[in-house]
Amino acid sequence: MRWSSLFTVVGGVVVAAVGLFGLLSGHPWSAVPLALGSAIALREVRYLQRLRTGKIRER
């Protein structure tokens, strides 16, 4: 497990959680960080899955 990837996933989830909290609090612009944080975390998780299966080499 790469620490930078772990921090990227955790950071994306934290940003998404804050965006979700803001969205539920009635701030419609909080959907932007929610979408960005989710996309970053999902992209990194998919990268780690491809790396583990050997479909790509480490960057």
PDB file of N, CA and C in Angstrom:
ATOM      1  N   MET A   1       0.860  -1.183   0.000  1.00  0.00           N
ATOM      2  CA  MET A   1       0.000   0.000   0.000  1.00  0.00           C
ATOM      3  C   MET A   1       0.896   1.233   0.000  1.00  0.00           C
ATOM      4  N   ARG A   2       0.605   2.108  -0.911  1.00  0.00           N
ATOM      5  CA  ARG A   2       1.352   3.364  -0.965  1.00  0.00           C
ATOM      6  C   ARG A   2       0.684   4.381  -0.039  1.00  0.00           C
ATOM      7  N   TRP A   3       1.488   5.037   0.793  1.00  0.00           N
ATOM      8  CA  TRP A   3       0.942   6.014   1.742  1.00  0.00           C
ATOM      9  C   TRP A   3       0.301   7.189   1.021  1.00  0.00           C
ATOM     10  N   SER A   4       0.897   7.621  -0.076  1.00  0.00           N
ATOM     11  CA  SER A   4       0.329   8.762  -0.802  1.00  0.00           C
ATOM     12  C   SER A   4      -1.064   8.416  -1.343  1.00  0.00           C
ATOM     13  N   SER A   5      -1.240   7.185  -1.783  1.00  0.00           N
ATOM     14  CA  SER A   5      -2.557   6.774  -2.272  1.00  0.00           C
ATOM     15  C   SER A   5      -3.568   6.704  -1.134  1.00  0.00           C
ATOM     16  N   LEU A   6      -3.123   6.215  -0.003  1.00  0.00           N
ATOM     17  CA  LEU A   6      -4.012   6.156   1.158  1.00  0.00           C
ATOM     18  C   LEU A   6      -4.451   7.557   1.575  1.00  0.00           C
ATOM     19  N   PHE A   7      -3.501   8.483   1.620  1.00  0.00           N
ATOM     20  CA  PHE A   7      -3.841   9.862   1.991  1.00  0.00           C
ATOM     21  C   PHE A   7      -4.762  10.506   0.949  1.00  0.00           C
ATOM     22  N   THR A   8      -4.569  10.171  -0.316  1.00  0.00           N
ATOM     23  CA  THR A   8      -5.431  10.713  -1.372  1.00  0.00           C
ATOM     24  C   THR A   8      -6.858  10.215  -1.206  1.00  0.00           C
ATOM     25  N   VAL A   9      -7.017   8.926  -0.942  1.00  0.00           N
ATOM     26  CA  VAL A   9      -8.361   8.370  -0.754  1.00  0.00           C
ATOM     27  C   VAL A   9      -9.013   8.968   0.489  1.00  0.00           C
ATOM     28  N   VAL A  10      -8.282   9.013   1.581  1.00  0.00           N
ATOM     29  CA  VAL A  10      -8.849   9.566   2.827  1.00  0.00           C
ATOM     30  C   VAL A  10      -9.195  11.045   2.646  1.00  0.00           C
ATOM     31  N   GLY A  11      -8.317  11.792   1.996  1.00  0.00           N
ATOM     32  CA  GLY A  11      -8.595  13.206   1.746  1.00  0.00           C
ATOM     33  C   GLY A  11      -9.827  13.413   0.881  1.00  0.00           C
ATOM     34  N   GLY A  12      -9.962  12.593  -0.162  1.00  0.00           N
ATOM     35  CA  GLY A  12     -11.142  12.691  -1.023  1.00  0.00           C
ATOM     36  C   GLY A  12     -12.421  12.376  -0.276  1.00  0.00           C
ATOM     37  N   VAL A  13     -12.357  11.368   0.589  1.00  0.00           N
ATOM     38  CA  VAL A  13     -13.540  11.006   1.378  1.00  0.00           C
ATOM     39  C   VAL A  13     -13.886  12.116   2.364  1.00  0.00           C
ATOM     40  N   VAL A  14     -12.891  12.737   2.976  1.00  0.00           N
ATOM     41  CA  VAL A  14     -13.145  13.832   3.918  1.00  0.00           C
ATOM     42  C   VAL A  14     -13.789  15.021   3.195  1.00  0.00           C
ATOM     43  N   VAL A  15     -13.249  15.371   2.027  1.00  0.00           N
ATOM     44  CA  VAL A  15     -13.819  16.478   1.257  1.00  0.00           C
ATOM     45  C   VAL A  15     -15.255  16.149   0.839  1.00  0.00           C
ATOM     46  N   ALA A  16     -15.483  14.918   0.419  1.00  0.00           N
ATOM     47  CA  ALA A  16     -16.834  14.510   0.033  1.00  0.00           C
ATOM     48  C   ALA A  16     -17.785  14.549   1.231  1.00  0.00           C
ATOM     49  N   ALA A  17     -17.318  14.131   2.396  1.00  0.00           N
ATOM     50  CA  ALA A  17     -18.171  14.152   3.589  1.00  0.00           C
ATOM     51  C   ALA A  17     -18.535  15.583   3.980  1.00  0.00           C
ATOM     52  N   VAL A  18     -17.570  16.483   3.897  1.00  0.00           N
ATOM     53  CA  VAL A  18     -17.854  17.891   4.207  1.00  0.00           C
ATOM     54  C   VAL A  18     -18.837  18.462   3.195  1.00  0.00           C
ATOM     55  N   GLY A  19     -18.647  18.104   1.921  1.00  0.00           N
ATOM     56  CA  GLY A  19     -19.583  18.556   0.895  1.00  0.00           C
ATOM     57  C   GLY A  19     -20.979  18.011   1.119  1.00  0.00           C
ATOM     58  N   LEU A  20     -21.076  16.748   1.517  1.00  0.00           N
ATOM     59  CA  LEU A  20     -22.389  16.161   1.802  1.00  0.00           C
ATOM     60  C   LEU A  20     -23.048  16.849   2.990  1.00  0.00           C
ATOM     61  N   PHE A  21     -22.265  17.113   4.028  1.00  0.00           N
ATOM     62  CA  PHE A  21     -22.816  17.812   5.194  1.00  0.00           C
ATOM     63  C   PHE A  21     -23.321  19.195   4.795  1.00  0.00           C
ATOM     64  N   GLY A  22     -22.546  19.897   3.992  1.00  0.00           N
ATOM     65  CA  GLY A  22     -22.981  21.220   3.535  1.00  0.00           C
ATOM     66  C   GLY A  22     -24.222  21.145   2.674  1.00  0.00           C
ATOM     67  N   LEU A  23     -24.286  20.137   1.829  1.00  0.00           N
ATOM     68  CA  LEU A  23     -25.456  19.972   0.960  1.00  0.00           C
ATOM     69  C   LEU A  23     -26.703  19.685   1.788  1.00  0.00           C
ATOM     70  N   LEU A  24     -26.555  18.826   2.793  1.00  0.00           N
ATOM     71  CA  LEU A  24     -27.694  18.516   3.660  1.00  0.00           C
ATOM     72  C   LEU A  24     -28.088  19.698   4.540  1.00  0.00           C
ATOM     73  N   SER A  25     -27.155  20.628   4.745  1.00  0.00           N
ATOM     74  CA  SER A  25     -27.438  21.832   5.535  1.00  0.00           C
ATOM     75  C   SER A  25     -28.107  22.920   4.713  1.00  0.00           C
ATOM     76  N   GLY A  26     -28.291  22.650   3.419  1.00  0.00           N
ATOM     77  CA  GLY A  26     -28.999  23.621   2.599  1.00  0.00           C
ATOM     78  C   GLY A  26     -28.108  24.492   1.746  1.00  0.00           C
ATOM     79  N   HIS A  27     -26.869  24.117   1.534  1.00  0.00           N
ATOM     80  CA  HIS A  27     -25.950  24.894   0.705  1.00  0.00           C
ATOM     81  C   HIS A  27     -25.747  24.151  -0.620  1.00  0.00           C
ATOM     82  N   PRO A  28     -26.451  24.580  -1.666  1.00  0.00           N
ATOM     83  CA  PRO A  28     -26.405  23.824  -2.922  1.00  0.00           C
ATOM     84  C   PRO A  28     -25.031  23.796  -3.576  1.00  0.00           C
ATOM     85  N   TRP A  29     -24.194  24.791  -3.356  1.00  0.00           N
ATOM     86  CA  TRP A  29     -22.859  24.798  -3.952  1.00  0.00           C
ATOM     87  C   TRP A  29     -21.946  23.762  -3.312  1.00  0.00           C
ATOM     88  N   SER A  30     -22.366  23.157  -2.230  1.00  0.00           N
ATOM     89  CA  SER A  30     -21.570  22.101  -1.610  1.00  0.00           C
ATOM     90  C   SER A  30     -21.556  20.830  -2.445  1.00  0.00           C
ATOM     91  N   ALA A  31     -22.375  20.780  -3.465  1.00  0.00           N
ATOM     92  CA  ALA A  31     -22.359  19.625  -4.365  1.00  0.00           C
ATOM     93  C   ALA A  31     -21.069  19.573  -5.166  1.00  0.00           C
ATOM     94  N   VAL A  32     -20.427  20.720  -5.374  1.00  0.00           N
ATOM     95  CA  VAL A  32     -19.170  20.761  -6.141  1.00  0.00           C
ATOM     96  C   VAL A  32     -18.052  20.023  -5.397  1.00  0.00           C
ATOM     97  N   PRO A  33     -17.739  20.370  -4.134  1.00  0.00           N
ATOM     98  CA  PRO A  33     -16.701  19.591  -3.446  1.00  0.00           C
ATOM     99  C   PRO A  33     -17.109  18.141  -3.195  1.00  0.00           C
ATOM    100  N   LEU A  34     -18.403  17.894  -3.047  1.00  0.00           N
ATOM    101  CA  LEU A  34     -18.874  16.519  -2.897  1.00  0.00           C
ATOM    102  C   LEU A  34     -18.530  15.704  -4.145  1.00  0.00           C
ATOM    103  N   ALA A  35     -18.809  16.257  -5.305  1.00  0.00           N
ATOM    104  CA  ALA A  35     -18.523  15.552  -6.561  1.00  0.00           C
ATOM    105  C   ALA A  35     -17.018  15.411  -6.773  1.00  0.00           C
ATOM    106  N   LEU A  36     -16.253  16.460  -6.514  1.00  0.00           N
ATOM    107  CA  LEU A  36     -14.804  16.405  -6.718  1.00  0.00           C
ATOM    108  C   LEU A  36     -14.131  15.427  -5.764  1.00  0.00           C
ATOM    109  N   GLY A  37     -14.490  15.489  -4.497  1.00  0.00           N
ATOM    110  CA  GLY A  37     -13.903  14.572  -3.519  1.00  0.00           C
ATOM    111  C   GLY A  37     -14.228  13.129  -3.824  1.00  0.00           C
ATOM    112  N   SER A  38     -15.471  12.881  -4.209  1.00  0.00           N
ATOM    113  CA  SER A  38     -15.875  11.520  -4.562  1.00  0.00           C
ATOM    114  C   SER A  38     -15.122  11.021  -5.785  1.00  0.00           C
ATOM    115  N   ALA A  39     -14.992  11.884  -6.789  1.00  0.00           N
ATOM    116  CA  ALA A  39     -14.315  11.492  -8.024  1.00  0.00           C
ATOM    117  C   ALA A  39     -12.831  11.203  -7.779  1.00  0.00           C
ATOM    118  N   ILE A  40     -12.192  12.015  -6.966  1.00  0.00           N
ATOM    119  CA  ILE A  40     -10.770  11.805  -6.675  1.00  0.00           C
ATOM    120  C   ILE A  40     -10.563  10.501  -5.916  1.00  0.00           C
ATOM    121  N   ALA A  41     -11.386  10.269  -4.899  1.00  0.00           N
ATOM    122  CA  ALA A  41     -11.247   9.040  -4.116  1.00  0.00           C
ATOM    123  C   ALA A  41     -11.537   7.813  -4.980  1.00  0.00           C
ATOM    124  N   LEU A  42     -12.572   7.868  -5.797  1.00  0.00           N
ATOM    125  CA  LEU A  42     -12.921   6.735  -6.659  1.00  0.00           C
ATOM    126  C   LEU A  42     -11.819   6.468  -7.685  1.00  0.00           C
ATOM    127  N   ARG A  43     -11.261   7.529  -8.262  1.00  0.00           N
ATOM    128  CA  ARG A  43     -10.191   7.365  -9.252  1.00  0.00           C
ATOM    129  C   ARG A  43      -8.972   6.691  -8.628  1.00  0.00           C
ATOM    130  N   GLU A  44      -8.624   7.095  -7.427  1.00  0.00           N
ATOM    131  CA  GLU A  44      -7.452   6.513  -6.775  1.00  0.00           C
ATOM    132  C   GLU A  44      -7.701   5.056  -6.389  1.00  0.00           C
ATOM    133  N   VAL A  45      -8.901   4.741  -5.927  1.00  0.00           N
ATOM    134  CA  VAL A  45      -9.226   3.350  -5.587  1.00  0.00           C
ATOM    135  C   VAL A  45      -9.165   2.480  -6.834  1.00  0.00           C
ATOM    136  N   ARG A  46      -9.696   2.975  -7.948  1.00  0.00           N
ATOM    137  CA  ARG A  46      -9.637   2.209  -9.198  1.00  0.00           C
ATOM    138  C   ARG A  46      -8.195   2.035  -9.663  1.00  0.00           C
ATOM    139  N   TYR A  47      -7.364   3.064  -9.481  1.00  0.00           N
ATOM    140  CA  TYR A  47      -5.952   2.956  -9.827  1.00  0.00           C
ATOM    141  C   TYR A  47      -5.282   1.871  -8.982  1.00  0.00           C
ATOM    142  N   LEU A  48      -5.561   1.848  -7.694  1.00  0.00           N
ATOM    143  CA  LEU A  48      -4.965   0.837  -6.815  1.00  0.00           C
ATOM    144  C   LEU A  48      -5.434  -0.568  -7.185  1.00  0.00           C
ATOM    145  N   GLN A  49      -6.687  -0.710  -7.606  1.00  0.00           N
ATOM    146  CA  GLN A  49      -7.179  -2.016  -8.030  1.00  0.00           C
ATOM    147  C   GLN A  49      -6.465  -2.482  -9.293  1.00  0.00           C
ATOM    148  N   ARG A  50      -6.280  -1.581 -10.262  1.00  0.00           N
ATOM    149  CA  ARG A  50      -5.569  -1.956 -11.483  1.00  0.00           C
ATOM    150  C   ARG A  50      -4.106  -2.266 -11.193  1.00  0.00           C
ATOM    151  N   LEU A  51      -3.520  -1.549 -10.265  1.00  0.00           N
ATOM    152  CA  LEU A  51      -2.132  -1.793  -9.889  1.00  0.00           C
ATOM    153  C   LEU A  51      -1.987  -3.159  -9.233  1.00  0.00           C
ATOM    154  N   ARG A  52      -2.928  -3.514  -8.383  1.00  0.00           N
ATOM    155  CA  ARG A  52      -2.872  -4.800  -7.678  1.00  0.00           C
ATOM    156  C   ARG A  52      -3.047  -5.989  -8.622  1.00  0.00           C
ATOM    157  N   THR A  53      -3.907  -5.816  -9.625  1.00  0.00           N
ATOM    158  CA  THR A  53      -4.134  -6.923 -10.557  1.00  0.00           C
ATOM    159  C   THR A  53      -3.052  -7.019 -11.619  1.00  0.00           C
ATOM    160  N   GLY A  54      -2.177  -6.051 -11.693  1.00  0.00           N
ATOM    161  CA  GLY A  54      -1.077  -6.090 -12.646  1.00  0.00           C
ATOM    162  C   GLY A  54      -1.420  -5.534 -14.025  1.00  0.00           C
ATOM    163  N   LYS A  55      -2.558  -4.882 -14.154  1.00  0.00           N
ATOM    164  CA  LYS A  55      -2.940  -4.323 -15.450  1.00  0.00           C
ATOM    165  C   LYS A  55      -2.090  -3.112 -15.811  1.00  0.00           C
ATOM    166  N   ILE A  56      -1.554  -2.428 -14.801  1.00  0.00           N
ATOM    167  CA  ILE A  56      -0.671  -1.292 -15.036  1.00  0.00           C
ATOM    168  C   ILE A  56       0.540  -1.399 -14.121  1.00  0.00           C
ATOM    169  N   ARG A  57       1.577  -0.653 -14.446  1.00  0.00           N
ATOM    170  CA  ARG A  57       2.758  -0.611 -13.583  1.00  0.00           C
ATOM    171  C   ARG A  57       2.684   0.618 -12.685  1.00  0.00           C
ATOM    172  N   GLU A  58       3.453   0.601 -11.603  1.00  0.00           N
ATOM    173  CA  GLU A  58       3.445   1.717 -10.653  1.00  0.00           C
ATOM    174  C   GLU A  58       3.999   2.964 -11.300  1.00  0.00           C
ATOM    175  N   ARG A  59       3.354   4.105 -11.012  1.00  0.00           N
ATOM    176  CA  ARG A  59       3.811   5.363 -11.595  1.00  0.00           C
ATOM    177  C   ARG A  59       4.945   5.957 -10.819  1.00  0.00           C
TER     178      ARG A  59
END
